[in-house]
């Protein structure tokens, strides 16, 4: 993602974050960022699960509607 990001660049970024947020708030900022990333991942997984459930429900509905006419035709033969 960042191919030219070495140790010195990371040090500068961390130093600037320390200056901007301060030593007391930096752990809070990191924790908030971690929680945000975690909730984003869960939301993506939840959306995938919802799509899978909808697909399965649609397949059940399609198989139920396609099996109904065959039952009607078999009952008409008798």
N, C-alpha and C. Protein backbone atom coordinates (compact mmCIF):
# COMPACT_ATOMS: atom_id res chain seq x y z
N UNK A 1 0.83 -1.17 0.00
CA UNK A 1 0.00 0.00 0.00
C UNK A 1 0.88 1.25 0.00
N UNK A 2 1.84 1.32 0.90
CA UNK A 2 2.79 2.41 0.94
C UNK A 2 4.18 1.83 0.71
N UNK A 3 4.59 1.68 -0.53
CA UNK A 3 5.84 0.98 -0.81
C UNK A 3 7.09 1.71 -0.34
N UNK A 4 7.07 3.02 -0.23
CA UNK A 4 8.26 3.78 0.13
C UNK A 4 8.17 4.35 1.54
N UNK A 5 7.47 3.66 2.43
CA UNK A 5 7.29 4.13 3.79
C UNK A 5 8.25 3.36 4.69
N UNK A 6 9.34 3.99 5.07
CA UNK A 6 10.36 3.34 5.88
C UNK A 6 10.27 3.74 7.34
N UNK A 7 11.31 3.43 8.06
CA UNK A 7 11.35 3.70 9.49
C UNK A 7 11.35 5.18 9.82
N UNK A 8 12.10 5.96 9.06
CA UNK A 8 12.17 7.40 9.32
C UNK A 8 10.83 8.07 9.07
N UNK A 9 10.14 7.65 8.03
CA UNK A 9 8.83 8.23 7.72
C UNK A 9 7.82 7.90 8.81
N UNK A 10 7.84 6.65 9.28
CA UNK A 10 6.94 6.26 10.36
C UNK A 10 7.23 7.06 11.63
N UNK A 11 8.51 7.27 11.92
CA UNK A 11 8.89 8.06 13.09
C UNK A 11 8.35 9.48 12.98
N UNK A 12 8.46 10.09 11.83
CA UNK A 12 7.96 11.45 11.63
C UNK A 12 6.45 11.50 11.81
N UNK A 13 5.76 10.51 11.27
CA UNK A 13 4.30 10.47 11.39
C UNK A 13 3.90 10.32 12.86
N UNK A 14 4.54 9.42 13.58
CA UNK A 14 4.22 9.24 14.99
C UNK A 14 4.56 10.49 15.81
N UNK A 15 5.67 11.14 15.48
CA UNK A 15 6.05 12.36 16.19
C UNK A 15 5.01 13.46 15.96
N UNK A 16 4.55 13.61 14.73
CA UNK A 16 3.52 14.62 14.43
C UNK A 16 2.21 14.30 15.15
N UNK A 17 1.85 13.03 15.20
CA UNK A 17 0.64 12.64 15.92
C UNK A 17 0.77 12.96 17.40
N UNK A 18 1.95 12.73 17.96
CA UNK A 18 2.20 13.06 19.36
C UNK A 18 2.08 14.55 19.60
N UNK A 19 2.59 15.35 18.69
CA UNK A 19 2.50 16.81 18.84
C UNK A 19 1.06 17.31 18.71
N UNK A 20 0.32 16.72 17.78
CA UNK A 20 -1.05 17.18 17.53
C UNK A 20 -1.99 16.78 18.66
N UNK A 21 -1.96 15.51 19.04
CA UNK A 21 -2.92 15.01 20.01
C UNK A 21 -2.42 15.05 21.45
N UNK A 22 -1.14 15.03 21.67
CA UNK A 22 -0.60 15.04 23.02
C UNK A 22 -0.43 13.62 23.53
N UNK A 23 0.40 13.49 24.57
CA UNK A 23 0.71 12.16 25.10
C UNK A 23 -0.49 11.53 25.80
N UNK A 24 -1.36 12.33 26.40
CA UNK A 24 -2.50 11.78 27.14
C UNK A 24 -3.60 11.26 26.21
N UNK A 25 -3.81 11.93 25.10
CA UNK A 25 -4.90 11.57 24.20
C UNK A 25 -4.50 10.58 23.13
N UNK A 26 -3.23 10.37 22.90
CA UNK A 26 -2.78 9.48 21.84
C UNK A 26 -3.29 8.04 22.02
N UNK A 27 -3.26 7.46 23.23
CA UNK A 27 -3.84 6.11 23.39
C UNK A 27 -5.35 6.07 23.11
N UNK A 28 -6.05 7.14 23.48
CA UNK A 28 -7.49 7.21 23.21
C UNK A 28 -7.76 7.25 21.71
N UNK A 29 -6.96 8.01 21.00
CA UNK A 29 -7.10 8.12 19.55
C UNK A 29 -6.84 6.76 18.90
N UNK A 30 -5.80 6.07 19.35
CA UNK A 30 -5.49 4.75 18.81
C UNK A 30 -6.60 3.75 19.09
N UNK A 31 -7.15 3.79 20.31
CA UNK A 31 -8.25 2.87 20.65
C UNK A 31 -9.49 3.17 19.81
N UNK A 32 -9.78 4.45 19.63
CA UNK A 32 -10.94 4.82 18.82
C UNK A 32 -10.77 4.40 17.37
N UNK A 33 -9.57 4.54 16.87
CA UNK A 33 -9.29 4.13 15.49
C UNK A 33 -9.44 2.61 15.35
N UNK A 34 -8.95 1.88 16.33
CA UNK A 34 -9.09 0.42 16.31
C UNK A 34 -10.54 -0.02 16.36
N UNK A 35 -11.34 0.62 17.21
CA UNK A 35 -12.77 0.29 17.30
C UNK A 35 -13.49 0.60 15.99
N UNK A 36 -13.11 1.71 15.38
CA UNK A 36 -13.73 2.08 14.11
C UNK A 36 -13.43 1.07 13.01
N UNK A 37 -12.19 0.63 12.94
CA UNK A 37 -11.80 -0.37 11.94
C UNK A 37 -12.52 -1.68 12.21
N UNK A 38 -12.60 -2.08 13.48
CA UNK A 38 -13.28 -3.33 13.85
C UNK A 38 -14.76 -3.28 13.47
N UNK A 39 -15.43 -2.17 13.77
CA UNK A 39 -16.86 -2.07 13.44
C UNK A 39 -17.06 -2.04 11.92
N UNK A 40 -16.12 -1.45 11.18
CA UNK A 40 -16.21 -1.44 9.73
C UNK A 40 -16.11 -2.86 9.18
N UNK A 41 -15.17 -3.64 9.70
CA UNK A 41 -15.02 -5.02 9.26
C UNK A 41 -16.26 -5.84 9.58
N UNK A 42 -16.83 -5.64 10.77
CA UNK A 42 -18.04 -6.36 11.15
C UNK A 42 -19.21 -5.98 10.26
N UNK A 43 -19.30 -4.71 9.89
CA UNK A 43 -20.38 -4.27 9.02
C UNK A 43 -20.25 -4.90 7.64
N UNK A 44 -19.03 -5.02 7.14
CA UNK A 44 -18.81 -5.64 5.84
C UNK A 44 -19.19 -7.12 5.91
N UNK A 45 -18.77 -7.80 6.96
CA UNK A 45 -19.12 -9.22 7.11
C UNK A 45 -20.62 -9.39 7.26
N UNK A 46 -21.26 -8.49 8.00
CA UNK A 46 -22.71 -8.56 8.18
C UNK A 46 -23.44 -8.36 6.87
N UNK A 47 -22.97 -7.48 6.03
CA UNK A 47 -23.60 -7.25 4.73
C UNK A 47 -23.46 -8.49 3.86
N UNK A 48 -22.30 -9.14 3.91
CA UNK A 48 -22.10 -10.37 3.13
C UNK A 48 -23.03 -11.47 3.61
N UNK A 49 -23.20 -11.58 4.93
CA UNK A 49 -24.07 -12.61 5.48
C UNK A 49 -25.51 -12.33 5.09
N UNK A 50 -25.93 -11.07 5.14
CA UNK A 50 -27.30 -10.73 4.76
C UNK A 50 -27.56 -11.08 3.30
N UNK A 51 -26.58 -10.80 2.43
CA UNK A 51 -26.74 -11.13 1.01
C UNK A 51 -26.86 -12.64 0.82
N UNK A 52 -26.06 -13.40 1.56
CA UNK A 52 -26.12 -14.86 1.45
C UNK A 52 -27.47 -15.38 1.92
N UNK A 53 -27.99 -14.82 3.01
CA UNK A 53 -29.28 -15.25 3.53
C UNK A 53 -30.38 -14.93 2.52
N UNK A 54 -30.32 -13.74 1.92
CA UNK A 54 -31.33 -13.37 0.92
C UNK A 54 -31.28 -14.31 -0.29
N UNK A 55 -30.08 -14.68 -0.72
CA UNK A 55 -29.95 -15.60 -1.85
C UNK A 55 -30.56 -16.96 -1.51
N UNK A 56 -30.30 -17.45 -0.29
CA UNK A 56 -30.86 -18.74 0.12
C UNK A 56 -32.37 -18.68 0.20
N UNK A 57 -32.91 -17.57 0.73
CA UNK A 57 -34.36 -17.42 0.81
C UNK A 57 -34.98 -17.38 -0.58
N UNK A 58 -34.33 -16.69 -1.51
CA UNK A 58 -34.85 -16.63 -2.88
C UNK A 58 -34.83 -18.01 -3.53
N UNK A 59 -33.79 -18.79 -3.27
CA UNK A 59 -33.74 -20.15 -3.81
C UNK A 59 -34.85 -21.00 -3.24
N UNK A 60 -35.12 -20.84 -1.93
CA UNK A 60 -36.20 -21.61 -1.30
C UNK A 60 -37.55 -21.24 -1.90
N UNK A 61 -37.74 -19.94 -2.11
CA UNK A 61 -39.01 -19.48 -2.69
C UNK A 61 -39.15 -20.01 -4.11
N UNK A 62 -38.06 -19.96 -4.90
CA UNK A 62 -38.11 -20.44 -6.28
C UNK A 62 -38.37 -21.94 -6.33
N UNK A 63 -37.75 -22.71 -5.46
CA UNK A 63 -37.97 -24.15 -5.46
C UNK A 63 -39.36 -24.48 -4.95
N UNK A 64 -39.88 -23.68 -4.01
CA UNK A 64 -41.23 -23.93 -3.51
C UNK A 64 -42.27 -23.64 -4.59
N UNK A 65 -42.08 -22.57 -5.35
CA UNK A 65 -43.05 -22.25 -6.39
C UNK A 65 -42.92 -23.22 -7.57
N UNK A 66 -41.75 -23.72 -7.84
CA UNK A 66 -41.59 -24.65 -8.94
C UNK A 66 -42.09 -26.04 -8.57
N UNK A 67 -42.08 -26.39 -7.27
CA UNK A 67 -42.55 -27.71 -6.88
C UNK A 67 -44.07 -27.74 -6.73
N UNK A 68 -44.70 -26.61 -6.53
CA UNK A 68 -46.15 -26.57 -6.38
C UNK A 68 -46.89 -27.03 -7.64
N UNK A 69 -46.52 -26.58 -8.84
CA UNK A 69 -47.24 -27.03 -10.03
C UNK A 69 -47.12 -28.54 -10.26
N UNK A 70 -46.01 -29.13 -9.91
CA UNK A 70 -45.87 -30.57 -10.11
C UNK A 70 -46.77 -31.33 -9.15
N UNK A 71 -46.96 -30.80 -7.97
CA UNK A 71 -47.87 -31.45 -7.03
C UNK A 71 -49.30 -31.35 -7.52
N UNK A 72 -49.65 -30.20 -8.10
CA UNK A 72 -51.01 -30.02 -8.62
C UNK A 72 -51.26 -30.96 -9.79
N UNK A 73 -50.29 -31.11 -10.67
CA UNK A 73 -50.49 -31.97 -11.82
C UNK A 73 -50.56 -33.43 -11.40
N UNK A 74 -49.80 -33.82 -10.38
CA UNK A 74 -49.87 -35.20 -9.93
C UNK A 74 -51.19 -35.48 -9.24
N UNK A 75 -51.77 -34.51 -8.57
CA UNK A 75 -53.06 -34.73 -7.92
C UNK A 75 -54.21 -34.74 -8.93
N UNK A 76 -54.03 -34.05 -10.07
CA UNK A 76 -55.05 -34.05 -11.12
C UNK A 76 -55.10 -35.39 -11.84
N UNK A 77 -53.96 -36.09 -11.91
CA UNK A 77 -53.92 -37.37 -12.59
C UNK A 77 -54.70 -38.44 -11.83
N UNK A 78 -54.80 -38.28 -10.54
CA UNK A 78 -55.47 -39.31 -9.74
C UNK A 78 -56.94 -39.10 -9.77
